[in-house]
């Protein structure tokens, strides 16, 4: 999968960050000085940790 994702990279892609994030140049937004879009996702493990700390399991596994 990683190779397929990398094959879509253009010059705007500044860096990938593991399997869960990336940096993308947003220089086309000319009203800002050197803007960068940071995209991130997280895995279910972290969501389970948050649910455990909150003692709340009714929303685990739901995507909005």
PDB file of N, CA and C in Angstrom:
ATOM      1  N   UNK A   1       0.819  -1.188   0.000  1.00  0.00           N
ATOM      2  CA  UNK A   1       0.000   0.000   0.000  1.00  0.00           C
ATOM      3  C   UNK A   1       0.864   1.254   0.000  1.00  0.00           C
ATOM      4  N   UNK A   2       1.962   1.230   0.752  1.00  0.00           N
ATOM      5  CA  UNK A   2       2.825   2.406   0.841  1.00  0.00           C
ATOM      6  C   UNK A   2       3.349   2.816  -0.536  1.00  0.00           C
ATOM      7  N   UNK A   3       3.727   1.846  -1.349  1.00  0.00           N
ATOM      8  CA  UNK A   3       4.238   2.155  -2.686  1.00  0.00           C
ATOM      9  C   UNK A   3       3.144   2.789  -3.543  1.00  0.00           C
ATOM     10  N   UNK A   4       1.920   2.315  -3.405  1.00  0.00           N
ATOM     11  CA  UNK A   4       0.810   2.884  -4.172  1.00  0.00           C
ATOM     12  C   UNK A   4       0.557   4.330  -3.755  1.00  0.00           C
ATOM     13  N   UNK A   5       0.632   4.599  -2.471  1.00  0.00           N
ATOM     14  CA  UNK A   5       0.443   5.969  -1.986  1.00  0.00           C
ATOM     15  C   UNK A   5       1.565   6.865  -2.499  1.00  0.00           C
ATOM     16  N   UNK A   6       2.809   6.403  -2.378  1.00  0.00           N
ATOM     17  CA  UNK A   6       3.956   7.209  -2.846  1.00  0.00           C
ATOM     18  C   UNK A   6       3.866   7.510  -4.335  1.00  0.00           C
ATOM     19  N   UNK A   7       3.274   6.615  -5.104  1.00  0.00           N
ATOM     20  CA  UNK A   7       3.169   6.840  -6.547  1.00  0.00           C
ATOM     21  C   UNK A   7       2.264   8.025  -6.876  1.00  0.00           C
ATOM     22  N   UNK A   8       1.458   8.479  -5.932  1.00  0.00           N
ATOM     23  CA  UNK A   8       0.578   9.628  -6.157  1.00  0.00           C
ATOM     24  C   UNK A   8       1.211  10.942  -5.728  1.00  0.00           C
ATOM     25  N   UNK A   9       2.391  10.912  -5.114  1.00  0.00           N
ATOM     26  CA  UNK A   9       3.044  12.124  -4.623  1.00  0.00           C
ATOM     27  C   UNK A   9       3.373  13.067  -5.771  1.00  0.00           C
ATOM     28  N   UNK A  10       3.125  14.339  -5.551  1.00  0.00           N
ATOM     29  CA  UNK A  10       3.547  15.392  -6.456  1.00  0.00           C
ATOM     30  C   UNK A  10       4.571  16.252  -5.743  1.00  0.00           C
ATOM     31  N   UNK A  11       5.027  17.326  -6.370  1.00  0.00           N
ATOM     32  CA  UNK A  11       6.041  18.180  -5.758  1.00  0.00           C
ATOM     33  C   UNK A  11       5.556  18.881  -4.491  1.00  0.00           C
ATOM     34  N   UNK A  12       4.242  18.931  -4.265  1.00  0.00           N
ATOM     35  CA  UNK A  12       3.699  19.587  -3.079  1.00  0.00           C
ATOM     36  C   UNK A  12       3.876  18.757  -1.817  1.00  0.00           C
ATOM     37  N   UNK A  13       4.105  17.446  -1.966  1.00  0.00           N
ATOM     38  CA  UNK A  13       4.262  16.583  -0.800  1.00  0.00           C
ATOM     39  C   UNK A  13       5.642  16.831  -0.208  1.00  0.00           C
ATOM     40  N   UNK A  14       5.658  17.343   1.019  1.00  0.00           N
ATOM     41  CA  UNK A  14       6.913  17.662   1.682  1.00  0.00           C
ATOM     42  C   UNK A  14       7.504  16.453   2.383  1.00  0.00           C
ATOM     43  N   UNK A  15       6.653  15.660   3.025  1.00  0.00           N
ATOM     44  CA  UNK A  15       7.131  14.476   3.735  1.00  0.00           C
ATOM     45  C   UNK A  15       5.957  13.611   4.137  1.00  0.00           C
ATOM     46  N   UNK A  16       6.202  12.335   4.187  1.00  0.00           N
ATOM     47  CA  UNK A  16       5.250  11.425   4.792  1.00  0.00           C
ATOM     48  C   UNK A  16       5.695  11.228   6.234  1.00  0.00           C
ATOM     49  N   UNK A  17       4.805  10.872   7.099  1.00  0.00           N
ATOM     50  CA  UNK A  17       5.169  10.670   8.496  1.00  0.00           C
ATOM     51  C   UNK A  17       4.628   9.325   8.924  1.00  0.00           C
ATOM     52  N   UNK A  18       5.383   8.281   8.687  1.00  0.00           N
ATOM     53  CA  UNK A  18       4.923   6.947   9.039  1.00  0.00           C
ATOM     54  C   UNK A  18       3.680   6.586   8.243  1.00  0.00           C
ATOM     55  N   UNK A  19       2.832   5.793   8.845  1.00  0.00           N
ATOM     56  CA  UNK A  19       1.621   5.368   8.164  1.00  0.00           C
ATOM     57  C   UNK A  19       0.433   6.269   8.478  1.00  0.00           C
ATOM     58  N   UNK A  20       0.619   7.244   9.366  1.00  0.00           N
ATOM     59  CA  UNK A  20      -0.530   7.977   9.865  1.00  0.00           C
ATOM     60  C   UNK A  20      -0.507   9.474   9.633  1.00  0.00           C
ATOM     61  N   UNK A  21       0.347   9.993   8.789  1.00  0.00           N
ATOM     62  CA  UNK A  21       0.339  11.434   8.581  1.00  0.00           C
ATOM     63  C   UNK A  21       1.206  11.846   7.419  1.00  0.00           C
ATOM     64  N   UNK A  22       1.149  13.129   7.096  1.00  0.00           N
ATOM     65  CA  UNK A  22       1.953  13.654   6.013  1.00  0.00           C
ATOM     66  C   UNK A  22       1.946  15.165   6.022  1.00  0.00           C
ATOM     67  N   UNK A  23       2.880  15.754   5.295  1.00  0.00           N
ATOM     68  CA  UNK A  23       2.989  17.202   5.156  1.00  0.00           C
ATOM     69  C   UNK A  23       2.843  17.569   3.698  1.00  0.00           C
ATOM     70  N   UNK A  24       2.050  18.579   3.427  1.00  0.00           N
ATOM     71  CA  UNK A  24       1.729  18.982   2.067  1.00  0.00           C
ATOM     72  C   UNK A  24       1.860  20.491   1.967  1.00  0.00           C
ATOM     73  N   UNK A  25       2.633  20.960   1.007  1.00  0.00           N
ATOM     74  CA  UNK A  25       2.797  22.397   0.818  1.00  0.00           C
ATOM     75  C   UNK A  25       1.483  23.014   0.370  1.00  0.00           C
ATOM     76  N   UNK A  26       1.089  24.066   1.046  1.00  0.00           N
ATOM     77  CA  UNK A  26      -0.115  24.797   0.678  1.00  0.00           C
ATOM     78  C   UNK A  26       0.282  26.180   0.164  1.00  0.00           C
ATOM     79  N   UNK A  27       1.433  26.253  -0.506  1.00  0.00           N
ATOM     80  CA  UNK A  27       1.969  27.519  -0.989  1.00  0.00           C
ATOM     81  C   UNK A  27       1.018  28.242  -1.935  1.00  0.00           C
ATOM     82  N   UNK A  28       0.072  27.518  -2.502  1.00  0.00           N
ATOM     83  CA  UNK A  28      -0.923  28.141  -3.362  1.00  0.00           C
ATOM     84  C   UNK A  28      -1.832  29.096  -2.606  1.00  0.00           C
ATOM     85  N   UNK A  29      -1.838  28.993  -1.289  1.00  0.00           N
ATOM     86  CA  UNK A  29      -2.608  29.920  -0.456  1.00  0.00           C
ATOM     87  C   UNK A  29      -1.756  31.168  -0.263  1.00  0.00           C
ATOM     88  N   UNK A  30      -1.799  32.048  -1.215  1.00  0.00           N
ATOM     89  CA  UNK A  30      -0.866  33.171  -1.263  1.00  0.00           C
ATOM     90  C   UNK A  30      -1.082  34.219  -0.182  1.00  0.00           C
ATOM     91  N   UNK A  31      -2.188  34.177   0.521  1.00  0.00           N
ATOM     92  CA  UNK A  31      -2.419  35.142   1.594  1.00  0.00           C
ATOM     93  C   UNK A  31      -1.620  34.786   2.850  1.00  0.00           C
ATOM     94  N   UNK A  32      -0.985  33.614   2.858  1.00  0.00           N
ATOM     95  CA  UNK A  32      -0.206  33.162   4.014  1.00  0.00           C
ATOM     96  C   UNK A  32       1.258  33.023   3.630  1.00  0.00           C
ATOM     97  N   UNK A  33       2.134  33.125   4.607  1.00  0.00           N
ATOM     98  CA  UNK A  33       3.568  32.954   4.369  1.00  0.00           C
ATOM     99  C   UNK A  33       3.969  31.510   4.675  1.00  0.00           C
ATOM    100  N   UNK A  34       4.382  30.759   3.679  1.00  0.00           N
ATOM    101  CA  UNK A  34       4.821  29.359   3.796  1.00  0.00           C
ATOM    102  C   UNK A  34       3.825  28.443   4.506  1.00  0.00           C
ATOM    103  N   UNK A  35       2.569  28.397   4.054  1.00  0.00           N
ATOM    104  CA  UNK A  35       1.606  27.516   4.717  1.00  0.00           C
ATOM    105  C   UNK A  35       1.905  26.042   4.442  1.00  0.00           C
ATOM    106  N   UNK A  36       1.648  25.196   5.414  1.00  0.00           N
ATOM    107  CA  UNK A  36       1.818  23.752   5.287  1.00  0.00           C
ATOM    108  C   UNK A  36       0.585  23.079   5.870  1.00  0.00           C
ATOM    109  N   UNK A  37      -0.011  22.165   5.116  1.00  0.00           N
ATOM    110  CA  UNK A  37      -1.132  21.376   5.599  1.00  0.00           C
ATOM    111  C   UNK A  37      -0.568  20.113   6.234  1.00  0.00           C
ATOM    112  N   UNK A  38      -0.924  19.855   7.472  1.00  0.00           N
ATOM    113  CA  UNK A  38      -0.493  18.644   8.162  1.00  0.00           C
ATOM    114  C   UNK A  38      -1.707  17.753   8.313  1.00  0.00           C
ATOM    115  N   UNK A  39      -1.647  16.575   7.721  1.00  0.00           N
ATOM    116  CA  UNK A  39      -2.753  15.629   7.785  1.00  0.00           C
ATOM    117  C   UNK A  39      -2.359  14.468   8.688  1.00  0.00           C
ATOM    118  N   UNK A  40      -3.292  14.029   9.503  1.00  0.00           N
ATOM    119  CA  UNK A  40      -2.996  12.947  10.427  1.00  0.00           C
ATOM    120  C   UNK A  40      -4.236  12.096  10.664  1.00  0.00           C
ATOM    121  N   UNK A  41      -4.004  10.822  10.815  1.00  0.00           N
ATOM    122  CA  UNK A  41      -5.059   9.906  11.229  1.00  0.00           C
ATOM    123  C   UNK A  41      -4.522   9.121  12.412  1.00  0.00           C
ATOM    124  N   UNK A  42      -5.377   8.445  13.097  1.00  0.00           N
ATOM    125  CA  UNK A  42      -4.932   7.675  14.245  1.00  0.00           C
ATOM    126  C   UNK A  42      -5.580   6.308  14.205  1.00  0.00           C
ATOM    127  N   UNK A  43      -4.974   5.389  14.875  1.00  0.00           N
ATOM    128  CA  UNK A  43      -5.477   4.018  14.850  1.00  0.00           C
ATOM    129  C   UNK A  43      -6.469   3.765  15.982  1.00  0.00           C
ATOM    130  N   UNK A  44      -7.068   2.608  15.955  1.00  0.00           N
ATOM    131  CA  UNK A  44      -8.070   2.255  16.953  1.00  0.00           C
ATOM    132  C   UNK A  44      -7.453   2.094  18.342  1.00  0.00           C
ATOM    133  N   UNK A  45      -6.167   1.783  18.421  1.00  0.00           N
ATOM    134  CA  UNK A  45      -5.521   1.603  19.723  1.00  0.00           C
ATOM    135  C   UNK A  45      -5.630   2.842  20.594  1.00  0.00           C
ATOM    136  N   UNK A  46      -5.362   4.010  20.015  1.00  0.00           N
ATOM    137  CA  UNK A  46      -5.465   5.255  20.765  1.00  0.00           C
ATOM    138  C   UNK A  46      -6.905   5.529  21.164  1.00  0.00           C
ATOM    139  N   UNK A  47      -7.832   5.254  20.276  1.00  0.00           N
ATOM    140  CA  UNK A  47      -9.247   5.465  20.591  1.00  0.00           C
ATOM    141  C   UNK A  47      -9.674   4.590  21.763  1.00  0.00           C
ATOM    142  N   UNK A  48      -9.179   3.373  21.819  1.00  0.00           N
ATOM    143  CA  UNK A  48      -9.501   2.486  22.932  1.00  0.00           C
ATOM    144  C   UNK A  48      -8.908   3.008  24.238  1.00  0.00           C
ATOM    145  N   UNK A  49      -7.710   3.569  24.178  1.00  0.00           N
ATOM    146  CA  UNK A  49      -7.080   4.135  25.373  1.00  0.00           C
ATOM    147  C   UNK A  49      -7.891   5.316  25.908  1.00  0.00           C
ATOM    148  N   UNK A  50      -8.360   6.164  25.008  1.00  0.00           N
ATOM    149  CA  UNK A  50      -9.184   7.311  25.419  1.00  0.00           C
ATOM    150  C   UNK A  50     -10.495   6.817  26.028  1.00  0.00           C
ATOM    151  N   UNK A  51     -11.129   5.838  25.392  1.00  0.00           N
ATOM    152  CA  UNK A  51     -12.383   5.290  25.915  1.00  0.00           C
ATOM    153  C   UNK A  51     -12.174   4.710  27.311  1.00  0.00           C
ATOM    154  N   UNK A  52     -11.076   4.002  27.510  1.00  0.00           N
ATOM    155  CA  UNK A  52     -10.792   3.412  28.819  1.00  0.00           C
ATOM    156  C   UNK A  52     -10.595   4.496  29.879  1.00  0.00           C
ATOM    157  N   UNK A  53      -9.865   5.536  29.536  1.00  0.00           N
ATOM    158  CA  UNK A  53      -9.645   6.625  30.499  1.00  0.00           C
ATOM    159  C   UNK A  53     -10.936   7.348  30.845  1.00  0.00           C
ATOM    160  N   UNK A  54     -11.825   7.467  29.862  1.00  0.00           N
ATOM    161  CA  UNK A  54     -13.091   8.164  30.077  1.00  0.00           C
ATOM    162  C   UNK A  54     -14.150   7.248  30.688  1.00  0.00           C
ATOM    163  N   UNK A  55     -13.870   5.919  30.677  1.00  0.00           N
ATOM    164  CA  UNK A  55     -14.867   4.971  31.171  1.00  0.00           C
ATOM    165  C   UNK A  55     -16.128   4.996  30.326  1.00  0.00           C
ATOM    166  N   UNK A  56     -15.934   5.258  29.035  1.00  0.00           N
ATOM    167  CA  UNK A  56     -17.080   5.394  28.134  1.00  0.00           C
ATOM    168  C   UNK A  56     -16.821   4.574  26.868  1.00  0.00           C
ATOM    169  N   UNK A  57     -17.654   3.580  26.650  1.00  0.00           N
ATOM    170  CA  UNK A  57     -17.451   2.666  25.533  1.00  0.00           C
ATOM    171  C   UNK A  57     -18.529   2.758  24.477  1.00  0.00           C
ATOM    172  N   UNK A  58     -19.522   3.623  24.651  1.00  0.00           N
ATOM    173  CA  UNK A  58     -20.664   3.657  23.739  1.00  0.00           C
ATOM    174  C   UNK A  58     -20.357   4.256  22.368  1.00  0.00           C
ATOM    175  N   UNK A  59     -19.245   4.929  22.219  1.00  0.00           N
ATOM    176  CA  UNK A  59     -18.928   5.522  20.911  1.00  0.00           C
ATOM    177  C   UNK A  59     -17.748   4.867  20.218  1.00  0.00           C
ATOM    178  N   UNK A  60     -17.126   3.886  20.844  1.00  0.00           N
ATOM    179  CA  UNK A  60     -15.958   3.237  20.256  1.00  0.00           C
ATOM    180  C   UNK A  60     -16.362   2.496  18.975  1.00  0.00           C
ATOM    181  N   UNK A  61     -15.588   2.704  17.921  1.00  0.00           N
ATOM    182  CA  UNK A  61     -15.853   2.031  16.666  1.00  0.00           C
ATOM    183  C   UNK A  61     -16.765   2.800  15.723  1.00  0.00           C
ATOM    184  N   UNK A  62     -17.163   4.010  16.107  1.00  0.00           N
ATOM    185  CA  UNK A  62     -18.015   4.805  15.252  1.00  0.00           C
ATOM    186  C   UNK A  62     -17.197   5.900  14.576  1.00  0.00           C
ATOM    187  N   UNK A  63     -17.407   6.087  13.307  1.00  0.00           N
ATOM    188  CA  UNK A  63     -16.800   7.186  12.573  1.00  0.00           C
ATOM    189  C   UNK A  63     -17.888   8.172  12.220  1.00  0.00           C
ATOM    190  N   UNK A  64     -17.629   9.419  12.412  1.00  0.00           N
ATOM    191  CA  UNK A  64     -18.637  10.450  12.146  1.00  0.00           C
ATOM    192  C   UNK A  64     -18.359  11.106  10.861  1.00  0.00           C
TER     193      UNK A  64
END
